[in-house]
C-alpha atoms as a PDB file:
ATOM      1  CA  MET A   1      14.437  17.647 -24.491  1.00  0.00           C
ATOM      2  CA  THR A   2      14.543  18.088 -20.735  1.00  0.00           C
ATOM      3  CA  ARG A   3      12.583  15.122 -18.868  1.00  0.00           C
ATOM      4  CA  THR A   4       9.762  16.031 -16.603  1.00  0.00           C
ATOM      5  CA  PRO A   5      10.923  15.107 -13.064  1.00  0.00           C
ATOM      6  CA  ARG A   6       9.114  11.866 -11.678  1.00  0.00           C
ATOM      7  CA  ALA A   7       6.507  12.478  -8.664  1.00  0.00           C
ATOM      8  CA  VAL A   8       8.944  10.539  -6.622  1.00  0.00           C
ATOM      9  CA  SER A   9      12.521   9.537  -6.733  1.00  0.00           C
ATOM     10  CA  PHE A  10      14.652   7.353  -4.146  1.00  0.00           C
ATOM     11  CA  THR A  11      18.292   6.736  -4.924  1.00  0.00           C
ATOM     12  CA  GLY A  12      19.913   4.707  -2.708  1.00  0.00           C
ATOM     13  CA  ALA A  13      18.174   6.258   0.196  1.00  0.00           C
ATOM     14  CA  ALA A  14      18.950   4.581   3.830  1.00  0.00           C
ATOM     15  CA  LYS A  15      17.985   5.390   7.402  1.00  0.00           C
ATOM     16  CA  THR A  16      19.300   3.892  10.499  1.00  0.00           C
ATOM     17  CA  PHE A  17      18.029   4.070  14.176  1.00  0.00           C
ATOM     18  CA  GLY A  18      20.833   2.743  16.278  1.00  0.00           C
ATOM     19  CA  ASP A  19      21.480  -0.800  15.220  1.00  0.00           C
ATOM     20  CA  VAL A  20      18.067  -1.008  13.330  1.00  0.00           C
ATOM     21  CA  CYS A  21      18.228   0.030   9.484  1.00  0.00           C
ATOM     22  CA  ALA A  22      15.122   0.940   8.925  1.00  0.00           C
ATOM     23  CA  VAL A  23      15.424   1.654   5.142  1.00  0.00           C
ATOM     24  CA  ASP A  24      18.093   0.009   3.326  1.00  0.00           C
ATOM     25  CA  GLY A  25      19.643   1.463   0.154  1.00  0.00           C
ATOM     26  CA  VAL A  26      16.200   1.953  -1.389  1.00  0.00           C
ATOM     27  CA  THR A  27      15.995   3.158  -4.882  1.00  0.00           C
ATOM     28  CA  LEU A  28      12.444   3.672  -6.611  1.00  0.00           C
ATOM     29  CA  GLU A  29      10.731   6.082  -9.038  1.00  0.00           C
ATOM     30  CA  ILE A  30       6.901   6.764  -9.170  1.00  0.00           C
ATOM     31  CA  GLU A  31       5.659   8.618 -12.235  1.00  0.00           C
ATOM     32  CA  ARG A  32       3.200  11.497 -12.069  1.00  0.00           C
ATOM     33  CA  GLY A  33      -0.409  10.170 -12.179  1.00  0.00           C
ATOM     34  CA  GLU A  34       0.398   7.050 -10.564  1.00  0.00           C
ATOM     35  CA  THR A  35      -1.552   5.398  -7.691  1.00  0.00           C
ATOM     36  CA  VAL A  36       0.898   3.206  -5.704  1.00  0.00           C
ATOM     37  CA  ALA A  37       0.210   0.836  -2.682  1.00  0.00           C
ATOM     38  CA  LEU A  38       2.990   0.445  -0.292  1.00  0.00           C
ATOM     39  CA  LEU A  39       3.037  -2.918   1.818  1.00  0.00           C
ATOM     40  CA  GLY A  40       5.054  -4.389   4.494  1.00  0.00           C
ATOM     41  CA  ARG A  41       4.783  -6.515   7.353  1.00  0.00           C
ATOM     42  CA  ASN A  42       5.934  -5.096  10.997  1.00  0.00           C
ATOM     43  CA  GLY A  43       9.301  -3.404  11.195  1.00  0.00           C
ATOM     44  CA  ALA A  44       9.457  -3.415   7.317  1.00  0.00           C
ATOM     45  CA  GLY A  45      10.155   0.079   7.152  1.00  0.00           C
ATOM     46  CA  LYS A  46       6.920   1.480   5.612  1.00  0.00           C
ATOM     47  CA  SER A  47       6.731   4.323   8.177  1.00  0.00           C
ATOM     48  CA  THR A  48      10.474   5.472   7.870  1.00  0.00           C
ATOM     49  CA  ALA A  49      10.100   5.360   4.200  1.00  0.00           C
ATOM     50  CA  ILE A  50       6.977   7.806   4.338  1.00  0.00           C
ATOM     51  CA  SER A  51       8.675  10.237   6.814  1.00  0.00           C
ATOM     52  CA  LEU A  52      11.936  10.641   4.631  1.00  0.00           C
ATOM     53  CA  LEU A  53       9.525  11.025   1.467  1.00  0.00           C
ATOM     54  CA  LEU A  54       7.796  14.085   3.358  1.00  0.00           C
ATOM     55  CA  GLY A  55      10.965  15.427   4.761  1.00  0.00           C
ATOM     56  CA  LEU A  56      10.156  14.618   8.402  1.00  0.00           C
ATOM     57  CA  ASN A  57      13.539  12.718   8.414  1.00  0.00           C
ATOM     58  CA  ALA A  58      16.620  13.067   6.593  1.00  0.00           C
ATOM     59  CA  PRO A  59      18.382   9.851   5.023  1.00  0.00           C
ATOM     60  CA  ASP A  60      21.596   9.041   6.164  1.00  0.00           C
ATOM     61  CA  ALA A  61      22.805   7.983   2.710  1.00  0.00           C
ATOM     62  CA  GLY A  62      21.345   8.467  -0.655  1.00  0.00           C
ATOM     63  CA  THR A  63      18.501  11.195  -1.944  1.00  0.00           C
ATOM     64  CA  VAL A  64      14.926  11.432  -1.898  1.00  0.00           C
ATOM     65  CA  GLU A  65      13.333  13.994  -4.393  1.00  0.00           C
ATOM     66  CA  LEU A  66       9.616  14.837  -5.048  1.00  0.00           C
ATOM     67  CA  PHE A  67       9.025  16.519  -8.548  1.00  0.00           C
ATOM     68  CA  GLY A  68      12.583  16.856  -8.860  1.00  0.00           C
ATOM     69  CA  ALA A  69      13.184  18.969  -5.353  1.00  0.00           C
ATOM     70  CA  PRO A  70      13.953  17.880  -1.845  1.00  0.00           C
ATOM     71  CA  PRO A  71      10.848  16.854   0.066  1.00  0.00           C
ATOM     72  CA  GLU A  72      10.976  19.980   2.056  1.00  0.00           C
ATOM     73  CA  GLN A  73      10.654  22.125  -0.660  1.00  0.00           C
ATOM     74  CA  ALA A  74       7.949  20.530  -2.396  1.00  0.00           C
ATOM     75  CA  VAL A  75       5.760  20.633   0.814  1.00  0.00           C
ATOM     76  CA  ARG A  76       6.677  24.431   1.146  1.00  0.00           C
ATOM     77  CA  ALA A  77       5.688  24.960  -2.332  1.00  0.00           C
ATOM     78  CA  GLY A  78       2.123  23.245  -1.756  1.00  0.00           C
ATOM     79  CA  LEU A  79       2.796  19.965  -3.783  1.00  0.00           C
ATOM     80  CA  VAL A  80       2.170  17.144  -1.045  1.00  0.00           C
ATOM     81  CA  GLY A  81      -0.787  16.360   0.888  1.00  0.00           C
ATOM     82  CA  ALA A  82      -0.437  13.625   3.670  1.00  0.00           C
ATOM     83  CA  MET A  83      -2.772  11.540   5.887  1.00  0.00           C
ATOM     84  CA  LEU A  84      -0.844  10.312   8.819  1.00  0.00           C
ATOM     85  CA  GLN A  85      -1.871   8.110  11.689  1.00  0.00           C
ATOM     86  CA  GLU A  86      -0.337   9.881  14.255  1.00  0.00           C
ATOM     87  CA  ALA A  87      -2.273  13.103  13.864  1.00  0.00           C
ATOM     88  CA  ARG A  88      -4.014  14.437  16.745  1.00  0.00           C
ATOM     89  CA  ALA A  89      -7.300  16.260  16.991  1.00  0.00           C
ATOM     90  CA  VAL A  90      -7.229  19.762  17.210  1.00  0.00           C
ATOM     91  CA  PRO A  91      -9.297  20.768  20.346  1.00  0.00           C
ATOM     92  CA  ARG A  92     -12.210  23.418  19.943  1.00  0.00           C
ATOM     93  CA  LEU A  93     -11.885  23.926  16.366  1.00  0.00           C
ATOM     94  CA  THR A  94     -14.954  22.831  13.898  1.00  0.00           C
ATOM     95  CA  VAL A  95     -14.398  20.497  11.021  1.00  0.00           C
ATOM     96  CA  ARG A  96     -14.835  23.453   8.811  1.00  0.00           C
ATOM     97  CA  GLU A  97     -12.556  25.451  10.696  1.00  0.00           C
ATOM     98  CA  LEU A  98      -9.764  23.056  10.579  1.00  0.00           C
ATOM     99  CA  VAL A  99     -10.320  22.077   6.802  1.00  0.00           C
ATOM    100  CA  ALA A 100     -10.493  25.754   6.108  1.00  0.00           C
ATOM    101  CA  PHE A 101      -7.227  26.726   8.011  1.00  0.00           C
ATOM    102  CA  VAL A 102      -5.453  24.254   6.186  1.00  0.00           C
ATOM    103  CA  ALA A 103      -6.497  24.993   3.058  1.00  0.00           C
ATOM    104  CA  GLY A 104      -5.554  28.953   3.523  1.00  0.00           C
ATOM    105  CA  ARG A 105      -2.048  27.475   3.726  1.00  0.00           C
ATOM    106  CA  TYR A 106      -1.860  26.306   0.372  1.00  0.00           C
ATOM    107  CA  PRO A 107      -1.434  28.326  -2.923  1.00  0.00           C
ATOM    108  CA  ASP A 108      -4.312  26.940  -4.907  1.00  0.00           C
ATOM    109  CA  PRO A 109      -6.395  24.912  -2.404  1.00  0.00           C
ATOM    110  CA  LEU A 110      -9.460  22.833  -3.572  1.00  0.00           C
ATOM    111  CA  PRO A 111     -12.999  24.808  -2.570  1.00  0.00           C
ATOM    112  CA  LEU A 112     -13.634  24.044   0.531  1.00  0.00           C
ATOM    113  CA  ALA A 113     -17.360  22.582  -0.232  1.00  0.00           C
ATOM    114  CA  ARG A 114     -15.567  20.343  -2.734  1.00  0.00           C
ATOM    115  CA  VAL A 115     -13.328  19.162   0.047  1.00  0.00           C
ATOM    116  CA  LEU A 116     -15.985  18.171   2.361  1.00  0.00           C
ATOM    117  CA  ASP A 117     -17.782  16.072  -0.175  1.00  0.00           C
ATOM    118  CA  LEU A 118     -15.008  14.152  -1.245  1.00  0.00           C
ATOM    119  CA  ALA A 119     -14.036  13.424   2.161  1.00  0.00           C
ATOM    120  CA  GLY A 120     -17.986  12.632   2.893  1.00  0.00           C
ATOM    121  CA  ILE A 121     -18.128  14.928   6.109  1.00  0.00           C
ATOM    122  CA  THR A 122     -20.320  17.699   4.653  1.00  0.00           C
ATOM    123  CA  GLU A 123     -22.715  16.826   7.455  1.00  0.00           C
ATOM    124  CA  LEU A 124     -19.765  17.007   9.803  1.00  0.00           C
ATOM    125  CA  ALA A 125     -18.843  20.655   9.163  1.00  0.00           C
ATOM    126  CA  ALA A 126     -20.172  22.448  12.035  1.00  0.00           C
ATOM    127  CA  ARG A 127     -19.107  19.395  14.631  1.00  0.00           C
ATOM    128  CA  ARG A 128     -15.869  19.983  16.756  1.00  0.00           C
ATOM    129  CA  VAL A 129     -12.831  17.680  15.853  1.00  0.00           C
ATOM    130  CA  ASP A 130     -12.257  16.429  19.188  1.00  0.00           C
ATOM    131  CA  ARG A 131     -15.695  15.019  19.673  1.00  0.00           C
ATOM    132  CA  LEU A 132     -15.621  12.745  16.671  1.00  0.00           C
ATOM    133  CA  SER A 133     -15.568   9.077  16.483  1.00  0.00           C
ATOM    134  CA  GLY A 134     -12.572   7.254  15.405  1.00  0.00           C
ATOM    135  CA  GLY A 135     -13.829   6.591  11.547  1.00  0.00           C
ATOM    136  CA  GLN A 136     -15.116  10.493  11.332  1.00  0.00           C
ATOM    137  CA  THR A 137     -11.588  11.674  12.410  1.00  0.00           C
ATOM    138  CA  GLN A 138     -10.236   9.622   9.814  1.00  0.00           C
ATOM    139  CA  ARG A 139     -12.394  11.450   7.102  1.00  0.00           C
ATOM    140  CA  VAL A 140     -11.348  14.568   8.623  1.00  0.00           C
ATOM    141  CA  ARG A 141      -7.572  13.624   8.141  1.00  0.00           C
ATOM    142  CA  PHE A 142      -8.492  12.598   4.654  1.00  0.00           C
ATOM    143  CA  ALA A 143     -10.059  16.021   3.999  1.00  0.00           C
ATOM    144  CA  VAL A 144      -6.779  17.698   5.621  1.00  0.00           C
ATOM    145  CA  ALA A 145      -4.963  16.159   3.142  1.00  0.00           C
ATOM    146  CA  LEU A 146      -7.054  16.995   0.051  1.00  0.00           C
ATOM    147  CA  ALA A 147      -7.479  20.621   1.379  1.00  0.00           C
ATOM    148  CA  GLY A 148      -4.526  22.214  -0.293  1.00  0.00           C
ATOM    149  CA  ASN A 149      -5.399  20.340  -3.776  1.00  0.00           C
ATOM    150  CA  PRO A 150      -1.521  18.444  -3.833  1.00  0.00           C
ATOM    151  CA  SER A 151      -0.339  17.103  -6.924  1.00  0.00           C
ATOM    152  CA  LEU A 152       1.088  14.097  -4.478  1.00  0.00           C
ATOM    153  CA  LEU A 153      -1.259  12.599  -2.074  1.00  0.00           C
ATOM    154  CA  VAL A 154       0.611  10.574   0.569  1.00  0.00           C
ATOM    155  CA  LEU A 155      -2.072   8.318   2.574  1.00  0.00           C
ATOM    156  CA  ASP A 156      -0.716   6.368   5.671  1.00  0.00           C
ATOM    157  CA  GLU A 157      -3.353   3.430   6.682  1.00  0.00           C
ATOM    158  CA  PRO A 158      -6.053   5.876   5.294  1.00  0.00           C
ATOM    159  CA  THR A 159      -8.943   3.316   5.678  1.00  0.00           C
ATOM    160  CA  ALA A 160      -8.207   2.405   9.394  1.00  0.00           C
ATOM    161  CA  ALA A 161     -11.263   2.480  11.684  1.00  0.00           C
ATOM    162  CA  LEU A 162     -13.639   2.578   8.460  1.00  0.00           C
ATOM    163  CA  ASP A 163     -16.459   0.393   8.228  1.00  0.00           C
ATOM    164  CA  VAL A 164     -16.987  -1.438   4.961  1.00  0.00           C
ATOM    165  CA  GLU A 165     -19.351   1.236   3.601  1.00  0.00           C
ATOM    166  CA  ALA A 166     -17.079   3.791   4.677  1.00  0.00           C
ATOM    167  CA  ARG A 167     -14.026   2.046   2.911  1.00  0.00           C
ATOM    168  CA  ARG A 168     -15.898   1.761  -0.410  1.00  0.00           C
ATOM    169  CA  ALA A 169     -16.795   5.716   0.102  1.00  0.00           C
ATOM    170  CA  PHE A 170     -13.347   6.475   0.481  1.00  0.00           C
ATOM    171  CA  TRP A 171     -11.598   4.756  -1.857  1.00  0.00           C
ATOM    172  CA  ASP A 172     -14.563   6.280  -4.600  1.00  0.00           C
ATOM    173  CA  SER A 173     -13.473   9.593  -3.626  1.00  0.00           C
ATOM    174  CA  MET A 174      -9.688   8.776  -3.699  1.00  0.00           C
ATOM    175  CA  ARG A 175      -9.879   7.491  -7.443  1.00  0.00           C
ATOM    176  CA  ALA A 176     -12.024  10.827  -8.262  1.00  0.00           C
ATOM    177  CA  TYR A 177      -9.221  13.005  -6.843  1.00  0.00           C
ATOM    178  CA  ALA A 178      -6.568  10.641  -8.943  1.00  0.00           C
ATOM    179  CA  ARG A 179      -8.637  10.924 -12.169  1.00  0.00           C
ATOM    180  CA  GLY A 180      -7.318  14.350 -12.602  1.00  0.00           C
ATOM    181  CA  GLY A 181      -3.429  13.171 -12.913  1.00  0.00           C
ATOM    182  CA  ARG A 182      -2.435  13.384  -9.430  1.00  0.00           C
ATOM    183  CA  THR A 183       0.310  10.994  -7.592  1.00  0.00           C
ATOM    184  CA  VAL A 184      -1.244   9.083  -4.730  1.00  0.00           C
ATOM    185  CA  LEU A 185       1.085   6.664  -2.648  1.00  0.00           C
ATOM    186  CA  PHE A 186      -0.920   4.864   0.291  1.00  0.00           C
ATOM    187  CA  SER A 187       0.007   2.141   2.553  1.00  0.00           C
ATOM    188  CA  THR A 188      -2.255  -0.375   3.883  1.00  0.00           C
ATOM    189  CA  HIS A 189      -2.817  -3.692   5.557  1.00  0.00           C
ATOM    190  CA  TYR A 190      -5.849  -4.530   3.546  1.00  0.00           C
ATOM    191  CA  LEU A 191      -4.167  -6.064   0.775  1.00  0.00           C
ATOM    192  CA  GLU A 192      -7.388  -6.503  -0.897  1.00  0.00           C
ATOM    193  CA  GLU A 193      -7.435  -2.822  -1.103  1.00  0.00           C
ATOM    194  CA  ALA A 194      -3.876  -2.800  -2.700  1.00  0.00           C
ATOM    195  CA  ASP A 195      -4.836  -5.074  -5.403  1.00  0.00           C
ATOM    196  CA  ALA A 196      -8.189  -3.061  -6.191  1.00  0.00           C
ATOM    197  CA  TYR A 197      -7.093   0.490  -5.939  1.00  0.00           C
ATOM    198  CA  ALA A 198      -3.231   0.716  -6.957  1.00  0.00           C
ATOM    199  CA  ASP A 199      -1.807   0.788 -10.351  1.00  0.00           C
ATOM    200  CA  ARG A 200       1.543  -1.078  -8.833  1.00  0.00           C
ATOM    201  CA  ILE A 201       2.288  -2.353  -5.542  1.00  0.00           C
ATOM    202  CA  LEU A 202       5.588  -1.948  -3.712  1.00  0.00           C
ATOM    203  CA  VAL A 203       6.590  -4.601  -1.048  1.00  0.00           C
ATOM    204  CA  LEU A 204       9.198  -3.389   1.517  1.00  0.00           C
ATOM    205  CA  ASP A 205      10.697  -5.966   3.722  1.00  0.00           C
ATOM    206  CA  ARG A 206      13.835  -5.061   6.134  1.00  0.00           C
ATOM    207  CA  GLY A 207      14.004  -2.065   4.764  1.00  0.00           C
ATOM    208  CA  ARG A 208      14.487  -3.145   1.083  1.00  0.00           C
ATOM    209  CA  ILE A 209      11.973  -3.328  -1.626  1.00  0.00           C
ATOM    210  CA  VAL A 210      11.475  -7.056  -2.672  1.00  0.00           C
ATOM    211  CA  ALA A 211       8.828  -6.615  -5.300  1.00  0.00           C
ATOM    212  CA  ASP A 212       7.468  -3.995  -7.524  1.00  0.00           C
ATOM    213  CA  GLY A 213       4.275  -4.605  -9.895  1.00  0.00           C
ATOM    214  CA  THR A 214       0.888  -5.228 -10.255  1.00  0.00           C
ATOM    215  CA  GLY A 215      -1.152  -7.351  -8.037  1.00  0.00           C
ATOM    216  CA  GLU A 216      -1.083 -10.055 -10.590  1.00  0.00           C
ATOM    217  CA  GLU A 217       2.398  -9.627 -11.496  1.00  0.00           C
ATOM    218  CA  LEU A 218       3.286 -10.317  -7.561  1.00  0.00           C
ATOM    219  CA  ARG A 219       0.984 -13.449  -7.491  1.00  0.00           C
ATOM    220  CA  HIS A 220       3.028 -14.705 -10.494  1.00  0.00           C
ATOM    221  CA  ALA A 221       6.165 -13.790  -9.053  1.00  0.00           C
ATOM    222  CA  ALA A 222       5.140 -16.093  -5.824  1.00  0.00           C
ATOM    223  CA  GLY A 223       4.020 -18.886  -7.708  1.00  0.00           C
ATOM    224  CA  GLY A 224       0.977 -18.116 -10.295  1.00  0.00           C
ATOM    225  CA  SER A 225      -1.550 -20.775  -8.808  1.00  0.00           C
ATOM    226  CA  LEU A 226      -2.430 -23.419  -6.260  1.00  0.00           C
ATOM    227  CA  VAL A 227      -3.116 -26.973  -6.880  1.00  0.00           C
ATOM    228  CA  ALA A 228      -4.570 -28.831  -3.640  1.00  0.00           C
ATOM    229  CA  PHE A 229      -5.668 -32.492  -3.468  1.00  0.00           C
ATOM    230  CA  ASP A 230      -6.179 -35.264  -0.966  1.00  0.00           C
ATOM    231  CA  LEU A 231      -2.979 -37.512  -0.212  1.00  0.00           C
ATOM    232  CA  ALA A 232      -5.107 -40.379   0.579  1.00  0.00           C
ATOM    233  CA  GLY A 233      -2.480 -42.170   2.279  1.00  0.00           C
ATOM    234  CA  ARG A 234      -0.111 -41.976  -0.922  1.00  0.00           C
ATOM    235  CA  GLY A 235       3.554 -40.106   0.223  1.00  0.00           C
ATOM    236  CA  THR A 236       4.693 -36.786  -1.349  1.00  0.00           C
ATOM    237  CA  ALA A 237       7.923 -38.002  -2.750  1.00  0.00           C
ATOM    238  CA  GLY A 238       8.313 -36.640  -5.769  1.00  0.00           C
ATOM    239  CA  LEU A 239       5.615 -33.858  -5.967  1.00  0.00           C
ATOM    240  CA  GLU A 240       8.308 -31.076  -6.067  1.00  0.00           C
ATOM    241  CA  LEU A 241       9.372 -32.373  -9.314  1.00  0.00           C
ATOM    242  CA  LEU A 242       6.147 -31.958 -11.284  1.00  0.00           C
ATOM    243  CA  PRO A 243       5.952 -29.687 -13.861  1.00  0.00           C
ATOM    244  CA  GLY A 244       5.574 -26.127 -12.783  1.00  0.00           C
ATOM    245  CA  VAL A 245       5.794 -26.784  -9.192  1.00  0.00           C
ATOM    246  CA  ARG A 246       7.915 -24.250  -6.953  1.00  0.00           C
ATOM    247  CA  SER A 247       6.926 -25.587  -3.617  1.00  0.00           C
ATOM    248  CA  VAL A 248       4.972 -28.485  -1.764  1.00  0.00           C
ATOM    249  CA  GLU A 249       3.074 -27.847   1.623  1.00  0.00           C
ATOM    250  CA  VAL A 250       1.068 -30.660   3.299  1.00  0.00           C
ATOM    251  CA  ARG A 251      -1.784 -29.958   5.878  1.00  0.00           C
ATOM    252  CA  GLY A 252      -2.998 -32.954   7.432  1.00  0.00           C
ATOM    253  CA  ASP A 253      -4.073 -35.199   4.537  1.00  0.00           C
ATOM    254  CA  ARG A 254      -4.056 -32.557   2.107  1.00  0.00           C
ATOM    255  CA  ALA A 255      -1.221 -31.348  -0.101  1.00  0.00           C
ATOM    256  CA  ARG A 256      -1.014 -27.860  -1.542  1.00  0.00           C
ATOM    257  CA  LEU A 257       1.348 -27.573  -4.670  1.00  0.00           C
ATOM    258  CA  ARG A 258       2.361 -23.893  -5.711  1.00  0.00           C
ATOM    259  CA  THR A 259       3.002 -23.854  -9.570  1.00  0.00           C
ATOM    260  CA  ASP A 260       3.784 -21.708 -12.292  1.00  0.00           C
ATOM    261  CA  ASP A 261       1.780 -23.872 -14.824  1.00  0.00           C
ATOM    262  CA  SER A 262      -1.393 -25.183 -13.183  1.00  0.00           C
ATOM    263  CA  ASP A 263      -2.421 -27.015 -16.508  1.00  0.00           C
ATOM    264  CA  ALA A 264       0.753 -29.340 -16.488  1.00  0.00           C
ATOM    265  CA  THR A 265       0.951 -29.882 -12.880  1.00  0.00           C
ATOM    266  CA  VAL A 266      -2.978 -31.209 -13.081  1.00  0.00           C
ATOM    267  CA  ILE A 267      -1.869 -33.472 -16.016  1.00  0.00           C
ATOM    268  CA  ALA A 268       0.983 -34.847 -14.153  1.00  0.00           C
ATOM    269  CA  LEU A 269      -0.852 -35.527 -10.939  1.00  0.00           C
ATOM    270  CA  ALA A 270      -3.706 -37.235 -13.258  1.00  0.00           C
ATOM    271  CA  GLY A 271      -0.890 -39.517 -14.421  1.00  0.00           C
ATOM    272  CA  LEU A 272      -0.227 -40.524 -10.667  1.00  0.00           C
ATOM    273  CA  GLY A 273      -3.998 -41.330 -10.057  1.00  0.00           C
ATOM    274  CA  ALA A 274      -3.624 -38.277  -7.491  1.00  0.00           C
ATOM    275  CA  ILE A 275      -6.634 -36.024  -7.833  1.00  0.00           C
ATOM    276  CA  ARG A 276      -8.995 -36.736  -5.111  1.00  0.00           C
ATOM    277  CA  GLY A 277     -10.483 -33.543  -3.930  1.00  0.00           C
ATOM    278  CA  LEU A 278      -8.816 -31.568  -6.628  1.00  0.00           C
ATOM    279  CA  GLN A 279      -8.692 -27.784  -6.554  1.00  0.00           C
ATOM    280  CA  VAL A 280      -7.058 -25.460  -8.746  1.00  0.00           C
ATOM    281  CA  ALA A 281      -6.871 -21.758  -7.734  1.00  0.00           C
ATOM    282  CA  PRO A 282      -4.995 -18.563  -8.516  1.00  0.00           C
ATOM    283  CA  ALA A 283      -2.670 -17.315  -5.701  1.00  0.00           C
ATOM    284  CA  SER A 284      -3.985 -14.654  -3.387  1.00  0.00           C
ATOM    285  CA  LEU A 285      -2.258 -11.666  -3.157  1.00  0.00           C
ATOM    286  CA  ASP A 286      -1.997 -12.642   0.559  1.00  0.00           C
ATOM    287  CA  GLU A 287      -0.037 -15.799  -0.408  1.00  0.00           C
ATOM    288  CA  ALA A 288       2.078 -13.848  -2.568  1.00  0.00           C
ATOM    289  CA  PHE A 289       2.962 -11.187   0.246  1.00  0.00           C
ATOM    290  CA  LEU A 290       3.489 -14.254   2.552  1.00  0.00           C
ATOM    291  CA  ALA A 291       6.030 -15.764   0.110  1.00  0.00           C
ATOM    292  CA  LEU A 292       7.580 -12.725  -0.585  1.00  0.00           C
ATOM    293  CA  THR A 293       8.367 -11.626   2.695  1.00  0.00           C
ATOM    294  CA  GLY A 294       8.530 -14.941   4.425  1.00  0.00           C
ATOM    295  CA  ALA A 295       6.421 -13.890   7.322  1.00  0.00           C
ATOM    296  CA  PRO A 296       2.908 -12.717   8.437  1.00  0.00           C
ATOM    297  CA  HIS A 297       2.291  -9.380   7.808  1.00  0.00           C
ATOM    298  CA  GLU A 298       1.428  -7.026  11.384  1.00  0.00           C
ATOM    299  CA  ARG A 299       0.929  -3.564  12.297  1.00  0.00           C
ATOM    300  CA  GLU A 300       3.976  -1.543  11.316  1.00  0.00           C
ATOM    301  CA  THR A 301       6.206  -0.169  14.287  1.00  0.00           C
ATOM    302  CA  VAL A 302       9.271   1.223  12.954  1.00  0.00           C
END
């Protein structure tokens, strides 16, 4: 029996700009119906990977396929909708005119009223696109991405410029759309969004996939828990040898142990009498991200 092609397939994909290898032999697959977050620090290659996925750039090596076809073919067939940061407002058109025009380019678009409602811009329909605020413009970009009823929705920093309430409304709409079996790939610098709304998180660093899993799996891979306590004048010798401990960090008079087994670590600390100011907490996704990439996350430039 012939297997249904995956929504997204990268096989050894690479892209170089001058001396910079922006995407370095990436191999990954995204199944139909998955919602996947793409994380990466400044210069990690997220934007380049998205451009390869959309057919805006061709890989120098390897292949990229969407639904078993080259990206350009999938885009022409109306299977892909994209929300990109660099998109510019179209002068003089109203929101309704712009969304209707884009919807008309697709073979099976969503009803216009449904698109405006999902994007939360029904009340903006008669407004000119070039006279909207940053947050309103972002919601119009979402509507444009949805208009064609695509099977794959690609969202690049979708909640940038949105306030907290608008961000929550956006994710409610995205989940409502994804429930119909659509595939969603989004990049974000809000790590809590990736944790809350993605079935799976991909971490890209220096052009390579360095982690692939759920938020819980990523936290465990980076050291599942943090155990902190006051040193109270005692040294740190031997702390790295305690059960479960992966790393030891000292901030002032306080030690932070990253551990795979917090119970065993705490029992061992109690045996040493080192439990003053004891705190045990699961590692956050931010901490897992920093451990996996080795550097703070910043805004993407490549």
